[in-house]
Amino acid sequence: MSTQRYYIVVDNLAKARGPVGELSFTGESPDDFAAQLQRALREPALFQQWKALQPDPDAIDDSMGSNDPAATVTAKQHDLRCDVTVTTTLPHSIVKHRLSLLIGRSWTLRDVTAG
């Protein structure tokens, strides 16, 4: 898969949390968020934790647990808004899932370009 660059806006990072406390974003700063999202895209731990919490973990499509060891994430604060750039070979569905686990629906995809 080719590298894509996702441009994302988080409206209020200080209040952005996922629906499951133990999987949710735990930091406060844009750097904290970038590090947690980058780890979630590079390593299987967040997906595996989520999968274990499902009623039938064996029914979960393992392809949703794909990782990109070279994924990068940067985040910059602008007032309450946080601009996030994700560069990865992972498809949008996986990026969306990991973002949703970490910060729920507190984000908006602004653009996608070739990485």
C-alpha atoms as a PDB file:
ATOM      1  CA  MET A   1       0.000   0.000   0.000  1.00  0.00           C
ATOM      2  CA  SER A   2       1.210   3.511  -0.741  1.00  0.00           C
ATOM      3  CA  THR A   3       1.942   6.092   1.909  1.00  0.00           C
ATOM      4  CA  GLN A   4      -0.836   8.546   2.686  1.00  0.00           C
ATOM      5  CA  ARG A   5      -0.777  11.747   4.702  1.00  0.00           C
ATOM      6  CA  TYR A   6      -3.921  12.399   6.771  1.00  0.00           C
ATOM      7  CA  TYR A   7      -4.638  15.946   7.992  1.00  0.00           C
ATOM      8  CA  ILE A   8      -6.845  15.858  11.066  1.00  0.00           C
ATOM      9  CA  VAL A   9      -8.248  18.490  13.402  1.00  0.00           C
ATOM     10  CA  VAL A  10      -9.070  17.746  17.036  1.00  0.00           C
ATOM     11  CA  ASP A  11     -11.481  20.443  18.256  1.00  0.00           C
ATOM     12  CA  ASN A  12     -10.540  20.404  21.955  1.00  0.00           C
ATOM     13  CA  LEU A  13      -7.700  18.056  22.805  1.00  0.00           C
ATOM     14  CA  ALA A  14      -8.075  18.698  26.550  1.00  0.00           C
ATOM     15  CA  LYS A  15     -11.549  17.099  26.441  1.00  0.00           C
ATOM     16  CA  ALA A  16     -10.918  14.517  23.698  1.00  0.00           C
ATOM     17  CA  ARG A  17     -11.298  11.039  25.147  1.00  0.00           C
ATOM     18  CA  GLY A  18     -12.358   7.696  23.742  1.00  0.00           C
ATOM     19  CA  PRO A  19     -15.441   5.765  24.860  1.00  0.00           C
ATOM     20  CA  VAL A  20     -13.490   3.114  26.816  1.00  0.00           C
ATOM     21  CA  GLY A  21     -11.442   4.625  29.640  1.00  0.00           C
ATOM     22  CA  GLU A  22      -8.657   2.044  29.617  1.00  0.00           C
ATOM     23  CA  LEU A  23      -8.080   2.566  25.872  1.00  0.00           C
ATOM     24  CA  SER A  24      -8.560   6.322  25.826  1.00  0.00           C
ATOM     25  CA  PHE A  25      -6.001   9.088  25.343  1.00  0.00           C
ATOM     26  CA  THR A  26      -4.369   9.772  28.710  1.00  0.00           C
ATOM     27  CA  GLY A  27      -2.165  12.764  27.986  1.00  0.00           C
ATOM     28  CA  GLU A  28      -2.714  16.492  27.944  1.00  0.00           C
ATOM     29  CA  SER A  29      -0.469  17.976  25.277  1.00  0.00           C
ATOM     30  CA  PRO A  30      -0.302  17.677  21.493  1.00  0.00           C
ATOM     31  CA  ASP A  31       3.039  15.889  21.903  1.00  0.00           C
ATOM     32  CA  ASP A  32       1.395  13.366  24.258  1.00  0.00           C
ATOM     33  CA  PHE A  33      -1.360  12.756  21.728  1.00  0.00           C
ATOM     34  CA  ALA A  34       1.060  12.427  18.809  1.00  0.00           C
ATOM     35  CA  ALA A  35       3.120   9.891  20.762  1.00  0.00           C
ATOM     36  CA  GLN A  36       0.086   7.817  21.781  1.00  0.00           C
ATOM     37  CA  LEU A  37      -1.432   7.794  18.289  1.00  0.00           C
ATOM     38  CA  GLN A  38       1.923   7.000  16.697  1.00  0.00           C
ATOM     39  CA  ARG A  39       2.375   4.070  19.093  1.00  0.00           C
ATOM     40  CA  ALA A  40      -1.185   2.885  18.324  1.00  0.00           C
ATOM     41  CA  LEU A  41      -0.383   2.856  14.591  1.00  0.00           C
ATOM     42  CA  ARG A  42       3.064   1.281  14.922  1.00  0.00           C
ATOM     43  CA  GLU A  43       2.398  -1.383  17.561  1.00  0.00           C
ATOM     44  CA  PRO A  44      -0.418  -3.918  18.101  1.00  0.00           C
ATOM     45  CA  ALA A  45      -1.052  -3.235  21.821  1.00  0.00           C
ATOM     46  CA  LEU A  46      -4.066  -0.880  21.531  1.00  0.00           C
ATOM     47  CA  PHE A  47      -5.811  -3.091  18.976  1.00  0.00           C
ATOM     48  CA  GLN A  48      -5.147  -6.211  21.046  1.00  0.00           C
ATOM     49  CA  GLN A  49      -6.534  -4.547  24.192  1.00  0.00           C
ATOM     50  CA  TRP A  50      -9.667  -3.479  22.299  1.00  0.00           C
ATOM     51  CA  LYS A  51     -10.096  -6.917  20.730  1.00  0.00           C
ATOM     52  CA  ALA A  52      -9.854  -8.628  24.123  1.00  0.00           C
ATOM     53  CA  LEU A  53     -12.742  -6.458  25.379  1.00  0.00           C
ATOM     54  CA  GLN A  54     -15.096  -7.558  22.587  1.00  0.00           C
ATOM     55  CA  PRO A  55     -17.848 -10.113  23.320  1.00  0.00           C
ATOM     56  CA  ASP A  56     -16.434 -12.482  20.684  1.00  0.00           C
ATOM     57  CA  PRO A  57     -12.762 -11.608  20.099  1.00  0.00           C
ATOM     58  CA  ASP A  58     -12.345 -14.476  17.635  1.00  0.00           C
ATOM     59  CA  ALA A  59     -14.949 -12.870  15.357  1.00  0.00           C
ATOM     60  CA  ILE A  60     -12.833  -9.721  14.920  1.00  0.00           C
ATOM     61  CA  ASP A  61     -11.096  -9.441  11.552  1.00  0.00           C
ATOM     62  CA  ASP A  62      -7.362  -9.602  12.335  1.00  0.00           C
ATOM     63  CA  SER A  63      -6.594  -7.318   9.400  1.00  0.00           C
ATOM     64  CA  MET A  64      -7.951  -4.466  11.561  1.00  0.00           C
ATOM     65  CA  GLY A  65      -4.890  -5.052  13.743  1.00  0.00           C
ATOM     66  CA  SER A  66      -2.438  -4.181  10.983  1.00  0.00           C
ATOM     67  CA  ASN A  67       0.427  -1.879  11.950  1.00  0.00           C
ATOM     68  CA  ASP A  68       2.863   0.407  10.215  1.00  0.00           C
ATOM     69  CA  PRO A  69       6.218   0.482  12.059  1.00  0.00           C
ATOM     70  CA  ALA A  70       7.175   3.585  10.067  1.00  0.00           C
ATOM     71  CA  ALA A  71       4.019   5.618  10.806  1.00  0.00           C
ATOM     72  CA  THR A  72       4.634   9.162  12.027  1.00  0.00           C
ATOM     73  CA  VAL A  73       2.345  11.592  13.810  1.00  0.00           C
ATOM     74  CA  THR A  74       2.834  15.281  14.534  1.00  0.00           C
ATOM     75  CA  ALA A  75       0.433  17.536  16.422  1.00  0.00           C
ATOM     76  CA  LYS A  76       0.391  21.303  16.926  1.00  0.00           C
ATOM     77  CA  GLN A  77      -1.911  23.271  19.230  1.00  0.00           C
ATOM     78  CA  HIS A  78      -3.748  26.380  17.956  1.00  0.00           C
ATOM     79  CA  ASP A  79      -5.928  27.792  20.759  1.00  0.00           C
ATOM     80  CA  LEU A  80      -8.243  24.874  21.630  1.00  0.00           C
ATOM     81  CA  ARG A  81      -7.819  23.214  18.227  1.00  0.00           C
ATOM     82  CA  CYS A  82      -5.051  20.717  17.555  1.00  0.00           C
ATOM     83  CA  ASP A  83      -3.826  20.085  14.003  1.00  0.00           C
ATOM     84  CA  VAL A  84      -2.579  16.521  13.531  1.00  0.00           C
ATOM     85  CA  THR A  85      -0.675  15.058  10.580  1.00  0.00           C
ATOM     86  CA  VAL A  86      -0.466  11.282  10.235  1.00  0.00           C
ATOM     87  CA  THR A  87       1.820   9.707   7.629  1.00  0.00           C
ATOM     88  CA  THR A  88       1.260   5.988   7.175  1.00  0.00           C
ATOM     89  CA  THR A  89       0.656   3.116   4.793  1.00  0.00           C
ATOM     90  CA  LEU A  90      -2.349   2.012   6.843  1.00  0.00           C
ATOM     91  CA  PRO A  91      -5.781   2.456   5.243  1.00  0.00           C
ATOM     92  CA  HIS A  92      -8.207   5.108   6.455  1.00  0.00           C
ATOM     93  CA  SER A  93     -10.403   2.511   8.200  1.00  0.00           C
ATOM     94  CA  ILE A  94      -7.577   1.543  10.561  1.00  0.00           C
ATOM     95  CA  VAL A  95      -6.490   5.138  11.221  1.00  0.00           C
ATOM     96  CA  LYS A  96     -10.126   6.008  11.939  1.00  0.00           C
ATOM     97  CA  HIS A  97     -10.534   3.058  14.319  1.00  0.00           C
ATOM     98  CA  ARG A  98      -7.390   3.901  16.322  1.00  0.00           C
ATOM     99  CA  LEU A  99      -8.354   7.588  16.506  1.00  0.00           C
ATOM    100  CA  SER A 100     -11.838   6.628  17.692  1.00  0.00           C
ATOM    101  CA  LEU A 101     -10.430   4.393  20.421  1.00  0.00           C
ATOM    102  CA  LEU A 102      -8.153   7.169  21.666  1.00  0.00           C
ATOM    103  CA  ILE A 103     -10.353  10.274  21.322  1.00  0.00           C
ATOM    104  CA  GLY A 104     -13.836   9.159  20.303  1.00  0.00           C
ATOM    105  CA  ARG A 105     -15.528  11.458  17.802  1.00  0.00           C
ATOM    106  CA  SER A 106     -13.537  14.543  18.740  1.00  0.00           C
ATOM    107  CA  TRP A 107     -11.726  14.748  15.408  1.00  0.00           C
ATOM    108  CA  THR A 108     -12.362  15.709  11.794  1.00  0.00           C
ATOM    109  CA  LEU A 109     -10.475  14.511   8.730  1.00  0.00           C
ATOM    110  CA  ARG A 110      -9.595  17.611   6.683  1.00  0.00           C
ATOM    111  CA  ASP A 111      -7.601  16.146   3.806  1.00  0.00           C
ATOM    112  CA  VAL A 112      -5.646  13.150   2.540  1.00  0.00           C
ATOM    113  CA  THR A 113      -2.666  13.410   0.206  1.00  0.00           C
ATOM    114  CA  ALA A 114      -0.007  11.098  -1.119  1.00  0.00           C
ATOM    115  CA  GLY A 115       2.729  10.765   1.487  1.00  0.00           C
END
